Amino acid sequence: MSCRLHVHRWGTNGPLVLCLHSSGLSGFQWKRLADKVAGDFRFVVPDFLGCGQSPPSPHGLDFRYGEDVEQVVALLDALAEPVILLGHSYGGFIGLKSALQRPQQIRAMAFYEPVMWGGLASYRGVAIGEVVSRFDPEGYLLNRELAGTETWMERFIDYWNGPGSWSAMSVPQRRPMFAIGEKLY
């Protein structure tokens, strides 16, 4: 399989660093880091499916995280050397899943807040729907028809960032979030 992700490349010297972004963002999440150390590292930074400049998942609301894992594994296969793998949040989760499939291609790895929601069918024997209902009793986040709506996005953003986070965002900050609402669901 060939990688269909848009890939940013920064830096020209040093070890190769593969950076994986969090939900709702793009590879540009890593640009400031790359700019600070570009003389010492080379960065390969994909935009996940439906994010940044990458194409959307062909499955819409039926997207599964395995699609992003497949794309990252394809990218690892295309690279000619082992990488230092960095990931934040969803990117940490995808990084862990990808590293399991290609351990020989990972030189080192570090993840910040790798999430598990997409990988859980249950948590300690409790169905994932019941786990989510503990912080979303009305069931907005698991309601397919509401996915990506204003109310749904507010619940999602406020869960991860604290009450009032969505309302504190400007319209330009919210716009890219709506573009990936189906994927967030």
C-alpha atoms as a PDB file:
ATOM      1  CA  MET A   1       0.000   0.000   0.000  1.00  0.00           C
ATOM      2  CA  SER A   2       1.254   3.491  -0.776  1.00  0.00           C
ATOM      3  CA  CYS A   3       0.765   6.403   1.592  1.00  0.00           C
ATOM      4  CA  ARG A   4      -2.020   8.804   0.547  1.00  0.00           C
ATOM      5  CA  LEU A   5      -1.298  11.346   3.287  1.00  0.00           C
ATOM      6  CA  HIS A   6       0.002  14.827   2.581  1.00  0.00           C
ATOM      7  CA  VAL A   7       3.462  14.991   4.165  1.00  0.00           C
ATOM      8  CA  HIS A   8       5.281  18.126   5.314  1.00  0.00           C
ATOM      9  CA  ARG A   9       9.088  17.954   5.307  1.00  0.00           C
ATOM     10  CA  TRP A  10      11.243  20.347   7.305  1.00  0.00           C
ATOM     11  CA  GLY A  11      14.974  20.383   8.037  1.00  0.00           C
ATOM     12  CA  THR A  12      17.848  18.954   6.048  1.00  0.00           C
ATOM     13  CA  ASN A  13      20.314  17.467   8.569  1.00  0.00           C
ATOM     14  CA  GLY A  14      20.352  14.894  11.327  1.00  0.00           C
ATOM     15  CA  PRO A  15      18.122  11.993  12.358  1.00  0.00           C
ATOM     16  CA  LEU A  16      14.680  11.603  10.824  1.00  0.00           C
ATOM     17  CA  VAL A  17      11.741  12.517  13.091  1.00  0.00           C
ATOM     18  CA  LEU A  18       8.187  11.405  12.262  1.00  0.00           C
ATOM     19  CA  CYS A  19       5.627  13.567  14.099  1.00  0.00           C
ATOM     20  CA  LEU A  20       1.934  12.646  14.413  1.00  0.00           C
ATOM     21  CA  HIS A  21      -0.603  15.351  15.267  1.00  0.00           C
ATOM     22  CA  SER A  22      -3.597  15.362  17.589  1.00  0.00           C
ATOM     23  CA  SER A  23      -7.298  15.340  16.666  1.00  0.00           C
ATOM     24  CA  GLY A  24      -8.598  18.462  15.023  1.00  0.00           C
ATOM     25  CA  LEU A  25      -5.200  19.731  13.944  1.00  0.00           C
ATOM     26  CA  SER A  26      -2.754  19.041  11.131  1.00  0.00           C
ATOM     27  CA  GLY A  27       0.952  18.430  10.823  1.00  0.00           C
ATOM     28  CA  PHE A  28       1.486  22.163  11.322  1.00  0.00           C
ATOM     29  CA  GLN A  29       1.055  21.409  15.027  1.00  0.00           C
ATOM     30  CA  TRP A  30       4.766  20.467  14.888  1.00  0.00           C
ATOM     31  CA  LYS A  31       6.067  23.418  12.805  1.00  0.00           C
ATOM     32  CA  ARG A  32       7.417  25.510  15.696  1.00  0.00           C
ATOM     33  CA  LEU A  33       9.346  22.534  17.067  1.00  0.00           C
ATOM     34  CA  ALA A  34      10.744  21.790  13.619  1.00  0.00           C
ATOM     35  CA  ASP A  35      11.769  25.423  13.147  1.00  0.00           C
ATOM     36  CA  LYS A  36      13.626  25.457  16.477  1.00  0.00           C
ATOM     37  CA  VAL A  37      15.696  22.335  15.786  1.00  0.00           C
ATOM     38  CA  ALA A  38      15.632  22.050  11.982  1.00  0.00           C
ATOM     39  CA  GLY A  39      19.428  22.290  11.812  1.00  0.00           C
ATOM     40  CA  ASP A  40      19.777  19.159  13.919  1.00  0.00           C
ATOM     41  CA  PHE A  41      16.845  17.019  12.694  1.00  0.00           C
ATOM     42  CA  ARG A  42      14.850  16.252   9.571  1.00  0.00           C
ATOM     43  CA  PHE A  43      11.080  16.186  10.045  1.00  0.00           C
ATOM     44  CA  VAL A  44       8.493  14.102   8.191  1.00  0.00           C
ATOM     45  CA  VAL A  45       5.054  15.213   9.320  1.00  0.00           C
ATOM     46  CA  PRO A  46       1.873  13.809   7.753  1.00  0.00           C
ATOM     47  CA  ASP A  47      -1.626  15.233   7.917  1.00  0.00           C
ATOM     48  CA  PHE A  48      -3.970  12.381   8.897  1.00  0.00           C
ATOM     49  CA  LEU A  49      -6.888  11.477   6.626  1.00  0.00           C
ATOM     50  CA  GLY A  50      -9.404  14.322   6.532  1.00  0.00           C
ATOM     51  CA  CYS A  51      -6.978  16.754   8.182  1.00  0.00           C
ATOM     52  CA  GLY A  52      -4.871  19.534   6.727  1.00  0.00           C
ATOM     53  CA  GLN A  53      -4.128  18.808   3.089  1.00  0.00           C
ATOM     54  CA  SER A  54      -4.795  15.041   3.145  1.00  0.00           C
ATOM     55  CA  PRO A  55      -7.857  13.543   1.482  1.00  0.00           C
ATOM     56  CA  PRO A  56     -10.792  12.515   3.677  1.00  0.00           C
ATOM     57  CA  SER A  57     -11.495   8.943   4.607  1.00  0.00           C
ATOM     58  CA  PRO A  58     -13.637   7.371   1.896  1.00  0.00           C
ATOM     59  CA  HIS A  59     -15.757   5.903   4.716  1.00  0.00           C
ATOM     60  CA  GLY A  60     -17.101   9.175   6.221  1.00  0.00           C
ATOM     61  CA  LEU A  61     -18.816   8.438   9.537  1.00  0.00           C
ATOM     62  CA  ASP A  62     -17.702   4.816   9.267  1.00  0.00           C
ATOM     63  CA  PHE A  63     -14.050   5.889   9.581  1.00  0.00           C
ATOM     64  CA  ARG A  64     -11.926   3.640  11.798  1.00  0.00           C
ATOM     65  CA  TYR A  65      -8.586   4.612  13.307  1.00  0.00           C
ATOM     66  CA  GLY A  66      -7.009   1.640  11.496  1.00  0.00           C
ATOM     67  CA  GLU A  67      -7.154   3.704   8.295  1.00  0.00           C
ATOM     68  CA  ASP A  68      -4.695   6.221   9.760  1.00  0.00           C
ATOM     69  CA  VAL A  69      -2.538   3.390  11.129  1.00  0.00           C
ATOM     70  CA  GLU A  70      -2.388   1.834   7.639  1.00  0.00           C
ATOM     71  CA  GLN A  71      -1.313   5.166   6.166  1.00  0.00           C
ATOM     72  CA  VAL A  72       1.414   5.742   8.774  1.00  0.00           C
ATOM     73  CA  VAL A  73       2.704   2.177   8.298  1.00  0.00           C
ATOM     74  CA  ALA A  74       2.796   2.818   4.529  1.00  0.00           C
ATOM     75  CA  LEU A  75       4.779   6.002   5.219  1.00  0.00           C
ATOM     76  CA  LEU A  76       7.189   4.106   7.482  1.00  0.00           C
ATOM     77  CA  ASP A  77       7.641   1.515   4.726  1.00  0.00           C
ATOM     78  CA  ALA A  78       8.464   4.270   2.231  1.00  0.00           C
ATOM     79  CA  LEU A  79      11.130   5.863   4.439  1.00  0.00           C
ATOM     80  CA  ALA A  80      14.644   4.516   3.962  1.00  0.00           C
ATOM     81  CA  GLU A  81      15.673   4.620   7.628  1.00  0.00           C
ATOM     82  CA  PRO A  82      14.397   4.187  11.182  1.00  0.00           C
ATOM     83  CA  VAL A  83      12.674   7.232  12.694  1.00  0.00           C
ATOM     84  CA  ILE A  84      12.295   8.979  15.994  1.00  0.00           C
ATOM     85  CA  LEU A  85       8.512   8.815  16.437  1.00  0.00           C
ATOM     86  CA  LEU A  86       6.676  11.634  18.245  1.00  0.00           C
ATOM     87  CA  GLY A  87       2.930  11.802  18.800  1.00  0.00           C
ATOM     88  CA  HIS A  88       0.433  13.915  20.677  1.00  0.00           C
ATOM     89  CA  SER A  89      -3.012  12.722  21.796  1.00  0.00           C
ATOM     90  CA  TYR A  90      -4.616  10.899  18.839  1.00  0.00           C
ATOM     91  CA  GLY A  91      -1.205  10.990  17.135  1.00  0.00           C
ATOM     92  CA  GLY A  92       0.298   9.189  20.132  1.00  0.00           C
ATOM     93  CA  PHE A  93      -2.327   6.479  19.855  1.00  0.00           C
ATOM     94  CA  ILE A  94      -1.736   6.076  16.106  1.00  0.00           C
ATOM     95  CA  GLY A  95       2.020   6.106  16.734  1.00  0.00           C
ATOM     96  CA  LEU A  96       1.778   3.289  19.271  1.00  0.00           C
ATOM     97  CA  LYS A  97      -0.367   1.175  16.938  1.00  0.00           C
ATOM     98  CA  SER A  98       1.991   1.841  14.006  1.00  0.00           C
ATOM     99  CA  ALA A  99       5.122   1.068  16.028  1.00  0.00           C
ATOM    100  CA  LEU A 100       3.665  -2.324  16.933  1.00  0.00           C
ATOM    101  CA  GLN A 101       3.458  -3.128  13.225  1.00  0.00           C
ATOM    102  CA  ARG A 102       6.924  -1.817  12.290  1.00  0.00           C
ATOM    103  CA  PRO A 103       9.134  -1.968  15.428  1.00  0.00           C
ATOM    104  CA  GLN A 104      12.307  -2.319  13.335  1.00  0.00           C
ATOM    105  CA  GLN A 105      11.607   1.086  11.778  1.00  0.00           C
ATOM    106  CA  ILE A 106      11.424   2.908  15.124  1.00  0.00           C
ATOM    107  CA  ARG A 107      14.682   4.301  16.504  1.00  0.00           C
ATOM    108  CA  ALA A 108      13.033   5.931  19.540  1.00  0.00           C
ATOM    109  CA  MET A 109       9.574   7.194  20.432  1.00  0.00           C
ATOM    110  CA  ALA A 110       7.840   9.618  22.759  1.00  0.00           C
ATOM    111  CA  PHE A 111       4.129  10.274  23.140  1.00  0.00           C
ATOM    112  CA  TYR A 112       2.228  12.954  25.020  1.00  0.00           C
ATOM    113  CA  GLU A 113      -1.310  12.128  26.175  1.00  0.00           C
ATOM    114  CA  PRO A 114      -1.930   9.191  23.815  1.00  0.00           C
ATOM    115  CA  VAL A 115      -5.694   8.624  23.830  1.00  0.00           C
ATOM    116  CA  MET A 116      -7.387   5.265  23.849  1.00  0.00           C
ATOM    117  CA  TRP A 117     -11.040   6.100  23.032  1.00  0.00           C
ATOM    118  CA  GLY A 118     -10.770   4.901  19.451  1.00  0.00           C
ATOM    119  CA  GLY A 119      -9.146   1.660  20.535  1.00  0.00           C
ATOM    120  CA  LEU A 120     -11.519   0.673  23.295  1.00  0.00           C
ATOM    121  CA  ALA A 121     -14.497  -1.601  22.947  1.00  0.00           C
ATOM    122  CA  SER A 122     -14.752  -1.585  26.718  1.00  0.00           C
ATOM    123  CA  TYR A 123     -12.900  -0.286  29.737  1.00  0.00           C
ATOM    124  CA  ARG A 124     -12.362  -2.794  32.517  1.00  0.00           C
ATOM    125  CA  GLY A 125     -15.353  -4.761  31.303  1.00  0.00           C
ATOM    126  CA  VAL A 126     -17.637  -1.716  31.035  1.00  0.00           C
ATOM    127  CA  ALA A 127     -18.960  -1.045  27.518  1.00  0.00           C
ATOM    128  CA  ILE A 128     -17.473   2.092  25.955  1.00  0.00           C
ATOM    129  CA  GLY A 129     -20.968   3.606  25.577  1.00  0.00           C
ATOM    130  CA  GLU A 130     -21.426   3.414  29.339  1.00  0.00           C
ATOM    131  CA  VAL A 131     -17.991   4.916  29.966  1.00  0.00           C
ATOM    132  CA  VAL A 132     -18.765   7.867  27.658  1.00  0.00           C
ATOM    133  CA  SER A 133     -22.214   8.324  29.229  1.00  0.00           C
ATOM    134  CA  ARG A 134     -20.532   9.110  32.542  1.00  0.00           C
ATOM    135  CA  PHE A 135     -19.414  12.485  31.162  1.00  0.00           C
ATOM    136  CA  ASP A 136     -22.017  12.812  28.387  1.00  0.00           C
ATOM    137  CA  PRO A 137     -25.303  11.627  29.956  1.00  0.00           C
ATOM    138  CA  GLU A 138     -27.484  12.935  27.095  1.00  0.00           C
ATOM    139  CA  GLY A 139     -25.522  10.824  24.610  1.00  0.00           C
ATOM    140  CA  TYR A 140     -24.549  13.593  22.191  1.00  0.00           C
ATOM    141  CA  LEU A 141     -21.054  12.243  21.527  1.00  0.00           C
ATOM    142  CA  LEU A 142     -22.279   8.789  20.542  1.00  0.00           C
ATOM    143  CA  ASN A 143     -25.182  10.069  18.425  1.00  0.00           C
ATOM    144  CA  ARG A 144     -24.220   9.672  14.777  1.00  0.00           C
ATOM    145  CA  GLU A 145     -26.836  12.180  13.602  1.00  0.00           C
ATOM    146  CA  LEU A 146     -25.367  14.931  15.795  1.00  0.00           C
ATOM    147  CA  ALA A 147     -21.726  14.267  14.846  1.00  0.00           C
ATOM    148  CA  GLY A 148     -19.988  17.474  13.873  1.00  0.00           C
ATOM    149  CA  THR A 149     -22.861  19.808  14.852  1.00  0.00           C
ATOM    150  CA  GLU A 150     -22.287  22.874  17.007  1.00  0.00           C
ATOM    151  CA  THR A 151     -23.564  21.148  20.163  1.00  0.00           C
ATOM    152  CA  TRP A 152     -21.578  18.001  19.456  1.00  0.00           C
ATOM    153  CA  MET A 153     -18.376  19.969  18.862  1.00  0.00           C
ATOM    154  CA  GLU A 154     -18.893  21.955  22.054  1.00  0.00           C
ATOM    155  CA  ARG A 155     -19.281  18.739  24.083  1.00  0.00           C
ATOM    156  CA  PHE A 156     -16.209  17.204  22.471  1.00  0.00           C
ATOM    157  CA  ILE A 157     -13.935  20.243  22.895  1.00  0.00           C
ATOM    158  CA  ASP A 158     -15.144  20.980  26.423  1.00  0.00           C
ATOM    159  CA  TYR A 159     -14.584  17.376  27.475  1.00  0.00           C
ATOM    160  CA  TRP A 160     -10.941  17.414  26.389  1.00  0.00           C
ATOM    161  CA  ASN A 161     -10.121  21.016  27.299  1.00  0.00           C
ATOM    162  CA  GLY A 162     -12.489  21.951  30.115  1.00  0.00           C
ATOM    163  CA  PRO A 163     -15.890  23.651  30.332  1.00  0.00           C
ATOM    164  CA  GLY A 164     -16.137  26.834  28.280  1.00  0.00           C
ATOM    165  CA  SER A 165     -13.260  25.963  25.930  1.00  0.00           C
ATOM    166  CA  TRP A 166     -15.460  25.836  22.833  1.00  0.00           C
ATOM    167  CA  SER A 167     -17.126  29.158  23.578  1.00  0.00           C
ATOM    168  CA  ALA A 168     -13.690  30.727  24.123  1.00  0.00           C
ATOM    169  CA  MET A 169     -12.617  29.765  20.599  1.00  0.00           C
ATOM    170  CA  SER A 170     -13.006  32.294  17.779  1.00  0.00           C
ATOM    171  CA  VAL A 171     -14.958  31.444  14.635  1.00  0.00           C
ATOM    172  CA  PRO A 172     -11.711  31.019  12.616  1.00  0.00           C
ATOM    173  CA  GLN A 173     -10.423  28.607  15.296  1.00  0.00           C
ATOM    174  CA  ARG A 174     -13.659  26.588  15.160  1.00  0.00           C
ATOM    175  CA  ARG A 175     -13.879  26.342  11.371  1.00  0.00           C
ATOM    176  CA  PRO A 176     -11.261  23.579  10.876  1.00  0.00           C
ATOM    177  CA  MET A 177     -12.897  21.555  13.641  1.00  0.00           C
ATOM    178  CA  PHE A 178     -16.179  21.409  11.710  1.00  0.00           C
ATOM    179  CA  ALA A 179     -14.272  20.219   8.644  1.00  0.00           C
ATOM    180  CA  ILE A 180     -13.253  17.043  10.506  1.00  0.00           C
ATOM    181  CA  GLY A 181     -16.392  16.546  12.595  1.00  0.00           C
ATOM    182  CA  GLU A 182     -17.161  13.177  10.984  1.00  0.00           C
ATOM    183  CA  LYS A 183     -13.675  11.916  11.763  1.00  0.00           C
ATOM    184  CA  LEU A 184     -13.827  13.117  15.359  1.00  0.00           C
ATOM    185  CA  TYR A 185     -17.035  11.136  15.770  1.00  0.00           C
END
